[in-house]
């Protein structure tokens, strides 16, 4: 796995490979570095955790299917809400091969699969991708934090539910968020102040 680390404008981009097959997660920057990393490999598709501009800016640069939840697909083109405004998104709908994912869907990768986990809250169609004990969380779950819920199609109620859903995963699973540092489920169970607060509220 390769991480293309965020810069001031764009989020982390991840490349996961098995044998000679790869998927790209949230491609938004470092295009040349991505092309270099793909030499000798076949890109099977792009996985989007959600449709905000800092996660999708390069989706039109690769001739592969783009996996996104249906609840976020329209957001790719609504610049008032996806972060592009006052600029315009750089891709055209007719040139994108969109594939819609849903909760618990399994996307084949070589001799295994990537599992889709629907985690609304940051946006209605936010998802996480689980592969080989690695959880790619986009802007849903961060180290010691969670994503914003006050943007278009966000929901605090759904974000809480999605956080609990992720915390039920195996504690050894490593978290690769859209921004900031990596973590693990085990660490977040003990140190994520949002989860701890919400868990206490649930017990009252």
N, C-alpha and C. Protein backbone atom coordinates (compact mmCIF):
# COMPACT_ATOMS: atom_id res chain seq x y z
N UNK A 1 0.83 -1.19 0.00
CA UNK A 1 0.00 0.00 0.00
C UNK A 1 0.87 1.25 0.00
N UNK A 2 0.44 2.25 -0.77
CA UNK A 2 1.16 3.52 -0.85
C UNK A 2 0.21 4.65 -0.44
N UNK A 3 0.73 5.56 0.36
CA UNK A 3 -0.03 6.74 0.75
C UNK A 3 0.58 7.96 0.08
N UNK A 4 -0.27 8.72 -0.61
CA UNK A 4 0.13 10.02 -1.15
C UNK A 4 -0.43 11.05 -0.18
N UNK A 5 0.43 11.62 0.64
CA UNK A 5 -0.02 12.40 1.79
C UNK A 5 -0.63 13.74 1.37
N UNK A 6 -1.59 14.16 2.18
CA UNK A 6 -2.33 15.38 1.89
C UNK A 6 -1.41 16.59 1.80
N UNK A 7 -1.87 17.58 1.03
CA UNK A 7 -1.22 18.88 1.04
C UNK A 7 -2.24 19.91 1.53
N UNK A 8 -2.01 21.17 1.31
CA UNK A 8 -2.88 22.20 1.89
C UNK A 8 -4.30 22.14 1.33
N UNK A 9 -4.44 21.64 0.11
CA UNK A 9 -5.75 21.66 -0.54
C UNK A 9 -6.44 20.30 -0.56
N UNK A 10 -5.65 19.24 -0.71
CA UNK A 10 -6.23 17.93 -0.97
C UNK A 10 -5.91 16.91 0.12
N UNK A 11 -6.78 15.89 0.19
CA UNK A 11 -6.70 14.86 1.23
C UNK A 11 -5.72 13.75 0.84
N UNK A 12 -5.51 12.83 1.77
CA UNK A 12 -4.70 11.64 1.47
C UNK A 12 -5.31 10.86 0.31
N UNK A 13 -4.43 10.35 -0.54
CA UNK A 13 -4.82 9.39 -1.57
C UNK A 13 -4.10 8.09 -1.26
N UNK A 14 -4.80 6.96 -1.43
CA UNK A 14 -4.21 5.66 -1.13
C UNK A 14 -4.25 4.76 -2.36
N UNK A 15 -3.21 3.95 -2.50
CA UNK A 15 -3.15 2.95 -3.56
C UNK A 15 -2.97 1.58 -2.90
N UNK A 16 -3.94 0.69 -3.13
CA UNK A 16 -3.84 -0.66 -2.58
C UNK A 16 -3.71 -1.65 -3.74
N UNK A 17 -2.80 -2.58 -3.61
CA UNK A 17 -2.52 -3.54 -4.68
C UNK A 17 -2.43 -4.95 -4.12
N UNK A 18 -2.77 -5.90 -4.97
CA UNK A 18 -2.58 -7.32 -4.67
C UNK A 18 -2.14 -7.98 -5.97
N UNK A 19 -1.00 -8.64 -5.94
CA UNK A 19 -0.38 -9.16 -7.16
C UNK A 19 -0.19 -7.98 -8.14
N UNK A 20 -0.79 -8.04 -9.33
CA UNK A 20 -0.60 -6.95 -10.29
C UNK A 20 -1.82 -6.05 -10.42
N UNK A 21 -2.78 -6.19 -9.50
CA UNK A 21 -4.03 -5.42 -9.57
C UNK A 21 -4.11 -4.40 -8.46
N UNK A 22 -4.65 -3.22 -8.78
CA UNK A 22 -4.70 -2.12 -7.80
C UNK A 22 -6.03 -1.39 -7.83
N UNK A 23 -6.36 -0.77 -6.70
CA UNK A 23 -7.43 0.22 -6.62
C UNK A 23 -6.86 1.50 -6.03
N UNK A 24 -7.38 2.62 -6.50
CA UNK A 24 -6.96 3.94 -6.03
C UNK A 24 -8.09 4.52 -5.20
N UNK A 25 -7.77 5.01 -4.02
CA UNK A 25 -8.78 5.55 -3.12
C UNK A 25 -8.65 7.07 -3.02
N UNK A 26 -9.72 7.78 -3.35
CA UNK A 26 -9.80 9.25 -3.23
C UNK A 26 -8.65 9.98 -3.93
N UNK A 27 -8.45 9.77 -5.24
CA UNK A 27 -7.33 10.43 -5.92
C UNK A 27 -7.57 11.93 -6.10
N UNK A 28 -6.67 12.74 -5.56
CA UNK A 28 -6.88 14.19 -5.61
C UNK A 28 -5.62 14.99 -5.91
N UNK A 29 -4.44 14.36 -5.86
CA UNK A 29 -3.20 15.11 -6.05
C UNK A 29 -2.06 14.15 -6.39
N UNK A 30 -0.90 14.70 -6.72
CA UNK A 30 0.29 13.90 -7.03
C UNK A 30 0.06 12.94 -8.19
N UNK A 31 -0.49 13.45 -9.29
CA UNK A 31 -0.82 12.60 -10.44
C UNK A 31 0.40 11.87 -10.98
N UNK A 32 1.50 12.57 -11.15
CA UNK A 32 2.69 11.92 -11.70
C UNK A 32 3.20 10.82 -10.79
N UNK A 33 3.17 11.06 -9.49
CA UNK A 33 3.61 10.04 -8.53
C UNK A 33 2.70 8.81 -8.58
N UNK A 34 1.41 9.03 -8.77
CA UNK A 34 0.47 7.91 -8.89
C UNK A 34 0.77 7.09 -10.14
N UNK A 35 0.98 7.78 -11.27
CA UNK A 35 1.31 7.08 -12.51
C UNK A 35 2.61 6.27 -12.34
N UNK A 36 3.58 6.85 -11.68
CA UNK A 36 4.85 6.14 -11.45
C UNK A 36 4.61 4.88 -10.61
N UNK A 37 3.79 5.01 -9.58
CA UNK A 37 3.52 3.88 -8.69
C UNK A 37 2.75 2.77 -9.40
N UNK A 38 2.01 3.13 -10.44
CA UNK A 38 1.19 2.15 -11.16
C UNK A 38 1.95 1.42 -12.26
N UNK A 39 3.17 1.80 -12.52
CA UNK A 39 3.94 1.14 -13.58
C UNK A 39 4.09 -0.35 -13.27
N UNK A 40 3.69 -1.18 -14.22
CA UNK A 40 3.74 -2.62 -14.02
C UNK A 40 2.51 -3.20 -13.36
N UNK A 41 1.55 -2.35 -13.02
CA UNK A 41 0.31 -2.78 -12.37
C UNK A 41 -0.90 -2.40 -13.22
N UNK A 42 -2.00 -3.05 -12.97
CA UNK A 42 -3.25 -2.72 -13.66
C UNK A 42 -4.21 -2.08 -12.66
N UNK A 43 -4.64 -0.86 -12.97
CA UNK A 43 -5.61 -0.17 -12.11
C UNK A 43 -7.01 -0.69 -12.43
N UNK A 44 -7.65 -1.29 -11.43
CA UNK A 44 -8.97 -1.88 -11.61
C UNK A 44 -10.10 -0.86 -11.44
N UNK A 45 -9.85 0.16 -10.63
CA UNK A 45 -10.91 1.13 -10.39
C UNK A 45 -10.51 2.16 -9.35
N UNK A 46 -11.40 3.13 -9.18
CA UNK A 46 -11.23 4.19 -8.18
C UNK A 46 -12.34 4.03 -7.14
N UNK A 47 -11.95 4.08 -5.87
CA UNK A 47 -12.90 4.00 -4.77
C UNK A 47 -13.02 5.36 -4.12
N UNK A 48 -14.23 5.91 -4.07
CA UNK A 48 -14.45 7.20 -3.43
C UNK A 48 -15.16 7.02 -2.10
N UNK A 49 -14.59 7.62 -1.06
CA UNK A 49 -15.26 7.58 0.25
C UNK A 49 -16.42 8.55 0.32
N UNK A 50 -16.32 9.65 -0.42
CA UNK A 50 -17.41 10.60 -0.55
C UNK A 50 -17.04 11.58 -1.66
N UNK A 51 -17.91 12.57 -1.94
CA UNK A 51 -17.78 13.36 -3.17
C UNK A 51 -17.26 14.78 -2.96
N UNK A 52 -16.59 15.07 -1.88
CA UNK A 52 -16.01 16.41 -1.70
C UNK A 52 -14.78 16.59 -2.56
N UNK A 53 -14.57 17.83 -3.00
CA UNK A 53 -13.55 18.11 -4.00
C UNK A 53 -12.15 17.70 -3.60
N UNK A 54 -11.84 17.76 -2.32
CA UNK A 54 -10.48 17.44 -1.88
C UNK A 54 -10.19 15.93 -1.90
N UNK A 55 -11.20 15.14 -2.32
CA UNK A 55 -11.02 13.69 -2.42
C UNK A 55 -11.21 13.18 -3.85
N UNK A 56 -11.63 14.03 -4.77
CA UNK A 56 -12.06 13.54 -6.09
C UNK A 56 -11.41 14.26 -7.28
N UNK A 57 -10.47 15.14 -7.05
CA UNK A 57 -10.04 16.07 -8.09
C UNK A 57 -9.40 15.41 -9.31
N UNK A 58 -8.95 14.17 -9.19
CA UNK A 58 -8.28 13.51 -10.32
C UNK A 58 -9.07 12.34 -10.90
N UNK A 59 -10.33 12.21 -10.56
CA UNK A 59 -11.06 11.00 -10.97
C UNK A 59 -11.17 10.86 -12.49
N UNK A 60 -11.08 11.96 -13.21
CA UNK A 60 -11.23 11.91 -14.66
C UNK A 60 -9.92 11.59 -15.38
N UNK A 61 -8.85 11.42 -14.65
CA UNK A 61 -7.54 11.19 -15.25
C UNK A 61 -7.23 9.71 -15.46
N UNK A 62 -8.16 8.84 -15.07
CA UNK A 62 -7.95 7.40 -15.18
C UNK A 62 -9.16 6.77 -15.86
N UNK A 63 -8.92 5.94 -16.85
CA UNK A 63 -10.01 5.33 -17.62
C UNK A 63 -10.43 4.02 -16.95
N UNK A 64 -11.04 4.14 -15.80
CA UNK A 64 -11.46 2.97 -15.01
C UNK A 64 -12.81 3.28 -14.35
N UNK A 65 -13.51 2.25 -13.89
CA UNK A 65 -14.75 2.49 -13.14
C UNK A 65 -14.49 3.26 -11.85
N UNK A 66 -15.47 4.09 -11.48
CA UNK A 66 -15.38 4.89 -10.26
C UNK A 66 -16.50 4.44 -9.33
N UNK A 67 -16.12 3.92 -8.18
CA UNK A 67 -17.08 3.39 -7.22
C UNK A 67 -17.46 4.47 -6.21
N UNK A 68 -18.77 4.71 -6.08
CA UNK A 68 -19.28 5.74 -5.18
C UNK A 68 -20.68 5.34 -4.73
N UNK A 69 -21.06 5.74 -3.54
CA UNK A 69 -22.43 5.46 -3.08
C UNK A 69 -23.40 6.35 -3.83
N UNK A 70 -24.55 5.81 -4.16
CA UNK A 70 -25.55 6.55 -4.94
C UNK A 70 -25.96 7.85 -4.25
N UNK A 71 -26.01 7.85 -2.92
CA UNK A 71 -26.42 9.04 -2.19
C UNK A 71 -25.42 10.19 -2.31
N UNK A 72 -24.22 9.92 -2.80
CA UNK A 72 -23.23 10.98 -2.99
C UNK A 72 -22.94 11.27 -4.46
N UNK A 73 -23.46 10.48 -5.37
CA UNK A 73 -23.12 10.63 -6.78
C UNK A 73 -23.47 12.02 -7.31
N UNK A 74 -24.65 12.52 -6.97
CA UNK A 74 -25.05 13.84 -7.45
C UNK A 74 -24.15 14.94 -6.93
N UNK A 75 -23.56 14.72 -5.75
CA UNK A 75 -22.71 15.72 -5.11
C UNK A 75 -21.45 15.99 -5.93
N UNK A 76 -21.04 15.04 -6.74
CA UNK A 76 -19.87 15.24 -7.61
C UNK A 76 -20.05 16.46 -8.52
N UNK A 77 -21.31 16.78 -8.84
CA UNK A 77 -21.59 17.80 -9.85
C UNK A 77 -22.25 19.05 -9.27
N UNK A 78 -22.45 19.08 -7.97
CA UNK A 78 -23.09 20.24 -7.33
C UNK A 78 -22.02 21.06 -6.62
N UNK A 79 -21.39 21.96 -7.38
CA UNK A 79 -20.23 22.69 -6.88
C UNK A 79 -20.53 23.60 -5.70
N UNK A 80 -21.79 23.98 -5.55
CA UNK A 80 -22.18 24.80 -4.41
C UNK A 80 -21.97 24.04 -3.10
N UNK A 81 -22.03 22.70 -3.18
CA UNK A 81 -21.98 21.88 -1.97
C UNK A 81 -20.74 20.99 -1.87
N UNK A 82 -20.04 20.75 -2.98
CA UNK A 82 -18.92 19.81 -2.94
C UNK A 82 -17.57 20.46 -2.67
N UNK A 83 -17.55 21.79 -2.58
CA UNK A 83 -16.30 22.46 -2.25
C UNK A 83 -15.61 23.14 -3.42
N UNK A 84 -16.09 22.91 -4.64
CA UNK A 84 -15.43 23.52 -5.80
C UNK A 84 -15.77 25.00 -5.97
N UNK A 85 -16.98 25.40 -5.62
CA UNK A 85 -17.42 26.78 -5.81
C UNK A 85 -16.48 27.76 -5.11
N UNK A 86 -16.08 28.86 -5.76
CA UNK A 86 -16.60 29.44 -7.00
C UNK A 86 -15.98 28.87 -8.27
N UNK A 87 -15.13 27.88 -8.16
CA UNK A 87 -14.61 27.20 -9.34
C UNK A 87 -15.57 26.10 -9.79
N UNK A 88 -15.19 25.38 -10.84
CA UNK A 88 -16.04 24.31 -11.36
C UNK A 88 -15.29 22.98 -11.32
N UNK A 89 -16.04 21.91 -11.15
CA UNK A 89 -15.41 20.59 -11.14
C UNK A 89 -14.75 20.33 -12.50
N UNK A 90 -13.61 19.61 -12.52
CA UNK A 90 -12.81 19.45 -13.74
C UNK A 90 -13.22 18.27 -14.62
N UNK A 91 -14.25 17.53 -14.23
CA UNK A 91 -14.65 16.32 -14.96
C UNK A 91 -16.05 16.49 -15.52
N UNK A 92 -16.40 15.66 -16.50
CA UNK A 92 -17.74 15.68 -17.09
C UNK A 92 -18.43 14.35 -16.85
N UNK A 93 -19.71 14.41 -16.56
CA UNK A 93 -20.47 13.19 -16.24
C UNK A 93 -20.37 12.15 -17.35
N UNK A 94 -20.42 12.58 -18.60
CA UNK A 94 -20.43 11.63 -19.71
C UNK A 94 -19.12 10.84 -19.82
N UNK A 95 -18.06 11.35 -19.20
CA UNK A 95 -16.77 10.69 -19.27
C UNK A 95 -16.47 9.80 -18.06
N UNK A 96 -17.39 9.75 -17.11
CA UNK A 96 -17.17 8.99 -15.88
C UNK A 96 -17.98 7.70 -15.90
N UNK A 97 -17.32 6.59 -15.62
CA UNK A 97 -17.98 5.28 -15.52
C UNK A 97 -18.29 5.02 -14.05
N UNK A 98 -19.42 5.55 -13.59
CA UNK A 98 -19.78 5.45 -12.18
C UNK A 98 -20.41 4.10 -11.86
N UNK A 99 -19.92 3.48 -10.79
CA UNK A 99 -20.48 2.24 -10.27
C UNK A 99 -20.94 2.50 -8.84
N UNK A 100 -22.17 2.13 -8.53
CA UNK A 100 -22.74 2.48 -7.24
C UNK A 100 -22.55 1.36 -6.22
N UNK A 101 -22.00 1.72 -5.08
CA UNK A 101 -21.75 0.75 -4.02
C UNK A 101 -22.84 0.85 -2.96
N UNK A 102 -22.94 -0.20 -2.16
CA UNK A 102 -23.88 -0.19 -1.03
C UNK A 102 -23.26 -0.97 0.12
N UNK A 103 -23.87 -0.85 1.26
CA UNK A 103 -23.34 -1.46 2.48
C UNK A 103 -23.14 -2.97 2.31
N UNK A 104 -21.99 -3.44 2.77
CA UNK A 104 -21.61 -4.86 2.77
C UNK A 104 -21.28 -5.40 1.38
N UNK A 105 -21.31 -4.55 0.37
CA UNK A 105 -20.90 -4.97 -0.97
C UNK A 105 -19.43 -5.37 -0.96
N UNK A 106 -19.08 -6.38 -1.75
CA UNK A 106 -17.70 -6.85 -1.84
C UNK A 106 -17.18 -6.63 -3.26
N UNK A 107 -16.09 -5.88 -3.36
CA UNK A 107 -15.47 -5.56 -4.64
C UNK A 107 -14.24 -6.44 -4.81
N UNK A 108 -14.20 -7.27 -5.84
CA UNK A 108 -13.07 -8.20 -6.01
C UNK A 108 -11.74 -7.48 -6.25
N UNK A 109 -10.71 -7.97 -5.59
CA UNK A 109 -9.34 -7.55 -5.84
C UNK A 109 -8.46 -8.77 -5.79
N UNK A 110 -8.00 -9.22 -6.97
CA UNK A 110 -7.17 -10.42 -7.09
C UNK A 110 -7.86 -11.60 -6.40
N UNK A 111 -7.20 -12.19 -5.40
CA UNK A 111 -7.77 -13.36 -4.74
C UNK A 111 -8.58 -13.02 -3.50
N UNK A 112 -8.90 -11.74 -3.33
CA UNK A 112 -9.67 -11.30 -2.17
C UNK A 112 -10.74 -10.31 -2.58
N UNK A 113 -11.19 -9.52 -1.63
CA UNK A 113 -12.20 -8.51 -1.92
C UNK A 113 -12.08 -7.34 -0.96
N UNK A 114 -12.62 -6.22 -1.39
CA UNK A 114 -12.71 -5.01 -0.57
C UNK A 114 -14.16 -4.88 -0.13
N UNK A 115 -14.38 -4.74 1.17
CA UNK A 115 -15.74 -4.63 1.68
C UNK A 115 -16.14 -3.17 1.84
N UNK A 116 -17.34 -2.86 1.39
CA UNK A 116 -17.89 -1.51 1.52
C UNK A 116 -18.68 -1.42 2.82
N UNK A 117 -18.44 -0.36 3.59
CA UNK A 117 -19.20 -0.11 4.81
C UNK A 117 -19.83 1.28 4.68
N UNK A 118 -21.14 1.32 4.57
CA UNK A 118 -21.83 2.62 4.44
C UNK A 118 -21.82 3.34 5.78
N UNK A 119 -21.26 4.54 5.80
CA UNK A 119 -21.10 5.30 7.05
C UNK A 119 -21.58 6.74 6.87
N UNK A 120 -22.87 6.96 6.68
CA UNK A 120 -23.37 8.32 6.53
C UNK A 120 -23.12 9.16 7.77
N UNK A 121 -23.10 10.45 7.58
CA UNK A 121 -22.88 11.38 8.69
C UNK A 121 -22.11 12.60 8.24
N UNK A 122 -20.93 12.38 7.66
CA UNK A 122 -20.19 13.49 7.06
C UNK A 122 -20.91 13.93 5.79
N UNK A 123 -21.27 12.96 4.96
CA UNK A 123 -22.23 13.15 3.87
C UNK A 123 -23.17 11.95 3.89
N UNK A 124 -24.28 12.07 3.18
CA UNK A 124 -25.27 11.00 3.16
C UNK A 124 -24.71 9.72 2.57
N UNK A 125 -23.81 9.86 1.59
CA UNK A 125 -23.28 8.69 0.91
C UNK A 125 -21.86 8.33 1.29
N UNK A 126 -21.39 8.80 2.43
CA UNK A 126 -20.03 8.46 2.87
C UNK A 126 -19.92 6.95 3.09
N UNK A 127 -18.79 6.39 2.65
CA UNK A 127 -18.51 4.98 2.89
C UNK A 127 -17.06 4.82 3.36
N UNK A 128 -16.80 3.69 3.98
CA UNK A 128 -15.44 3.27 4.30
C UNK A 128 -15.16 1.98 3.53
N UNK A 129 -13.90 1.71 3.29
CA UNK A 129 -13.50 0.50 2.58
C UNK A 129 -12.56 -0.32 3.46
N UNK A 130 -12.87 -1.59 3.62
CA UNK A 130 -12.08 -2.48 4.47
C UNK A 130 -11.38 -3.51 3.60
N UNK A 131 -10.06 -3.56 3.70
CA UNK A 131 -9.28 -4.53 2.95
C UNK A 131 -8.04 -4.93 3.73
N UNK A 132 -7.85 -6.22 3.93
CA UNK A 132 -6.64 -6.74 4.54
C UNK A 132 -6.34 -6.05 5.89
N UNK A 133 -7.36 -5.95 6.74
CA UNK A 133 -7.22 -5.35 8.07
C UNK A 133 -6.89 -3.86 8.02
N UNK A 134 -7.15 -3.25 6.88
CA UNK A 134 -6.96 -1.81 6.72
C UNK A 134 -8.30 -1.17 6.42
N UNK A 135 -8.64 -0.12 7.17
CA UNK A 135 -9.93 0.56 7.02
C UNK A 135 -9.69 1.99 6.53
N UNK A 136 -10.20 2.27 5.34
CA UNK A 136 -10.03 3.60 4.74
C UNK A 136 -11.31 4.39 5.02
N UNK A 137 -11.19 5.39 5.89
CA UNK A 137 -12.38 6.00 6.50
C UNK A 137 -12.78 7.35 5.91
N UNK A 138 -12.04 7.86 4.94
CA UNK A 138 -12.41 9.16 4.38
C UNK A 138 -12.48 10.22 5.46
N UNK A 139 -13.62 10.92 5.52
CA UNK A 139 -13.81 11.96 6.54
C UNK A 139 -14.83 11.53 7.60
N UNK A 140 -14.99 10.22 7.78
CA UNK A 140 -15.90 9.73 8.81
C UNK A 140 -15.22 9.63 10.17
N UNK A 141 -14.08 8.95 10.19
CA UNK A 141 -13.38 8.70 11.46
C UNK A 141 -11.91 9.08 11.32
N UNK A 142 -11.44 9.88 12.28
CA UNK A 142 -10.04 10.30 12.34
C UNK A 142 -9.41 9.83 13.65
N UNK A 143 -8.10 9.97 13.73
CA UNK A 143 -7.43 9.70 14.99
C UNK A 143 -7.93 10.69 16.05
N UNK A 144 -8.55 10.17 17.09
CA UNK A 144 -9.09 10.94 18.21
C UNK A 144 -10.16 11.94 17.80
N UNK A 145 -10.78 11.73 16.64
CA UNK A 145 -11.80 12.67 16.19
C UNK A 145 -12.75 12.00 15.19
N UNK A 146 -13.72 12.78 14.75
CA UNK A 146 -14.66 12.34 13.71
C UNK A 146 -14.84 13.48 12.71
N UNK A 147 -15.49 13.18 11.60
CA UNK A 147 -15.69 14.19 10.57
C UNK A 147 -16.75 15.21 10.92
N UNK A 148 -16.77 16.28 10.16
CA UNK A 148 -17.81 17.30 10.33
C UNK A 148 -19.16 16.74 9.89
N UNK A 149 -20.20 17.23 10.54
CA UNK A 149 -21.55 16.81 10.19
C UNK A 149 -22.42 18.00 9.78
N UNK A 150 -21.81 19.20 9.74
CA UNK A 150 -22.58 20.42 9.52
C UNK A 150 -22.55 20.88 8.06
N UNK A 151 -22.04 20.05 7.15
CA UNK A 151 -22.03 20.38 5.73
C UNK A 151 -23.25 19.77 5.05
N UNK A 152 -23.45 20.10 3.79
CA UNK A 152 -24.58 19.60 3.02
C UNK A 152 -24.70 18.08 3.10
N UNK A 153 -25.85 17.58 3.44
CA UNK A 153 -26.24 16.17 3.59
C UNK A 153 -25.59 15.49 4.79
N UNK A 154 -24.92 16.26 5.65
CA UNK A 154 -24.36 15.71 6.87
C UNK A 154 -25.42 15.54 7.95
N UNK A 155 -25.12 14.71 8.94
CA UNK A 155 -26.07 14.45 10.01
C UNK A 155 -25.33 13.97 11.24
N UNK A 156 -25.52 14.65 12.36
CA UNK A 156 -24.88 14.23 13.61
C UNK A 156 -25.41 12.88 14.07
N UNK A 157 -26.70 12.66 13.95
CA UNK A 157 -27.30 11.39 14.36
C UNK A 157 -26.68 10.24 13.57
N UNK A 158 -26.56 10.42 12.26
CA UNK A 158 -25.99 9.36 11.42
C UNK A 158 -24.50 9.19 11.68
N UNK A 159 -23.80 10.30 11.94
CA UNK A 159 -22.37 10.20 12.23
C UNK A 159 -22.12 9.40 13.50
N UNK A 160 -22.94 9.62 14.51
CA UNK A 160 -22.83 8.82 15.75
C UNK A 160 -23.04 7.35 15.45
N UNK A 161 -24.09 7.03 14.71
CA UNK A 161 -24.39 5.64 14.39
C UNK A 161 -23.25 5.00 13.60
N UNK A 162 -22.70 5.76 12.65
CA UNK A 162 -21.61 5.23 11.83
C UNK A 162 -20.35 5.01 12.66
N UNK A 163 -20.10 5.90 13.61
CA UNK A 163 -18.94 5.75 14.49
C UNK A 163 -19.06 4.48 15.32
N UNK A 164 -20.23 4.23 15.89
CA UNK A 164 -20.46 2.99 16.65
C UNK A 164 -20.29 1.76 15.75
N UNK A 165 -20.75 1.87 14.54
CA UNK A 165 -20.65 0.76 13.57
C UNK A 165 -19.18 0.40 13.33
N UNK A 166 -18.34 1.42 13.16
CA UNK A 166 -16.92 1.17 12.92
C UNK A 166 -16.22 0.65 14.17
N UNK A 167 -16.64 1.13 15.32
CA UNK A 167 -16.00 0.69 16.56
C UNK A 167 -16.32 -0.76 16.91
N UNK A 168 -17.30 -1.34 16.22
CA UNK A 168 -17.61 -2.75 16.43
C UNK A 168 -16.69 -3.67 15.62
N UNK A 169 -15.86 -3.10 14.78
CA UNK A 169 -14.93 -3.90 13.99
C UNK A 169 -13.80 -4.43 14.89
N UNK A 170 -13.03 -5.35 14.35
CA UNK A 170 -11.93 -5.95 15.12
C UNK A 170 -10.95 -4.88 15.58
N UNK A 171 -10.52 -4.93 16.84
CA UNK A 171 -9.68 -3.87 17.40
C UNK A 171 -8.32 -3.71 16.73
N UNK A 172 -7.83 -4.77 16.10
CA UNK A 172 -6.51 -4.67 15.47
C UNK A 172 -6.54 -3.99 14.10
N UNK A 173 -7.72 -3.72 13.58
CA UNK A 173 -7.81 -3.09 12.26
C UNK A 173 -7.20 -1.70 12.30
N UNK A 174 -6.39 -1.40 11.30
CA UNK A 174 -5.71 -0.11 11.22
C UNK A 174 -6.55 0.87 10.41
N UNK A 175 -6.60 2.10 10.88
CA UNK A 175 -7.43 3.14 10.27
C UNK A 175 -6.56 4.06 9.43
N UNK A 176 -6.98 4.22 8.17
CA UNK A 176 -6.31 5.15 7.25
C UNK A 176 -7.33 6.22 6.85
N UNK A 177 -7.30 7.37 7.53
CA UNK A 177 -8.30 8.41 7.28
C UNK A 177 -7.96 9.30 6.09
N UNK A 178 -8.91 10.15 5.73
CA UNK A 178 -8.69 11.07 4.62
C UNK A 178 -7.72 12.18 4.95
N UNK A 179 -7.56 12.46 6.23
CA UNK A 179 -6.65 13.51 6.68
C UNK A 179 -5.94 13.05 7.96
N UNK A 180 -4.83 13.69 8.25
CA UNK A 180 -4.11 13.48 9.51
C UNK A 180 -3.53 12.06 9.62
N UNK A 181 -3.36 11.59 10.86
CA UNK A 181 -2.56 10.39 11.11
C UNK A 181 -3.37 9.10 11.11
N UNK A 182 -2.67 7.99 10.92
CA UNK A 182 -3.31 6.68 11.01
C UNK A 182 -3.60 6.35 12.48
N UNK A 183 -4.43 5.33 12.68
CA UNK A 183 -4.77 4.90 14.03
C UNK A 183 -5.21 3.44 13.96
N UNK A 184 -5.80 2.95 15.01
CA UNK A 184 -6.41 1.63 15.03
C UNK A 184 -7.75 1.71 15.74
N UNK A 185 -8.60 0.72 15.51
CA UNK A 185 -9.87 0.67 16.23
C UNK A 185 -9.60 0.59 17.73
N UNK A 186 -8.65 -0.22 18.12
CA UNK A 186 -8.32 -0.36 19.55
C UNK A 186 -7.97 0.98 20.18
N UNK A 187 -7.15 1.77 19.50
CA UNK A 187 -6.74 3.07 20.02
C UNK A 187 -7.94 4.01 20.13
N UNK A 188 -8.79 4.00 19.11
CA UNK A 188 -9.94 4.92 19.12
C UNK A 188 -10.95 4.55 20.20
N UNK A 189 -11.11 3.28 20.48
CA UNK A 189 -12.00 2.87 21.56
C UNK A 189 -11.60 3.50 22.89
N UNK A 190 -10.30 3.72 23.07
CA UNK A 190 -9.79 4.25 24.33
C UNK A 190 -9.58 5.76 24.32
N UNK A 191 -9.37 6.35 23.14
CA UNK A 191 -8.91 7.74 23.09
C UNK A 191 -9.78 8.69 22.27
N UNK A 192 -10.75 8.18 21.53
CA UNK A 192 -11.58 9.07 20.72
C UNK A 192 -12.64 9.71 21.61
N UNK A 193 -12.47 10.99 21.89
CA UNK A 193 -13.35 11.67 22.86
C UNK A 193 -14.80 11.72 22.39
N UNK A 194 -15.02 11.77 21.09
CA UNK A 194 -16.39 11.80 20.57
C UNK A 194 -17.07 10.46 20.83
N UNK A 195 -16.39 9.39 20.49
CA UNK A 195 -16.95 8.06 20.73
C UNK A 195 -17.18 7.83 22.22
N UNK A 196 -16.23 8.19 23.04
CA UNK A 196 -16.34 7.97 24.49
C UNK A 196 -17.55 8.73 25.06
N UNK A 197 -17.70 9.97 24.62
CA UNK A 197 -18.84 10.79 25.08
C UNK A 197 -20.16 10.18 24.63
N UNK A 198 -20.24 9.78 23.37
CA UNK A 198 -21.48 9.22 22.84
C UNK A 198 -21.80 7.88 23.49
N UNK A 199 -20.79 7.08 23.77
CA UNK A 199 -21.00 5.79 24.42
C UNK A 199 -21.57 5.99 25.82
N UNK A 200 -21.07 7.00 26.53
CA UNK A 200 -21.58 7.30 27.88
C UNK A 200 -23.02 7.76 27.81
N UNK A 201 -23.34 8.57 26.80
CA UNK A 201 -24.71 9.05 26.64
C UNK A 201 -25.67 7.89 26.38
N UNK A 202 -25.21 6.91 25.65
CA UNK A 202 -26.04 5.75 25.33
C UNK A 202 -26.35 4.92 26.57
N UNK A 203 -25.48 4.97 27.56
CA UNK A 203 -25.67 4.15 28.77
C UNK A 203 -26.61 4.80 29.78
N UNK A 204 -26.89 6.08 29.58
CA UNK A 204 -27.77 6.79 30.55
C UNK A 204 -29.21 6.36 30.40
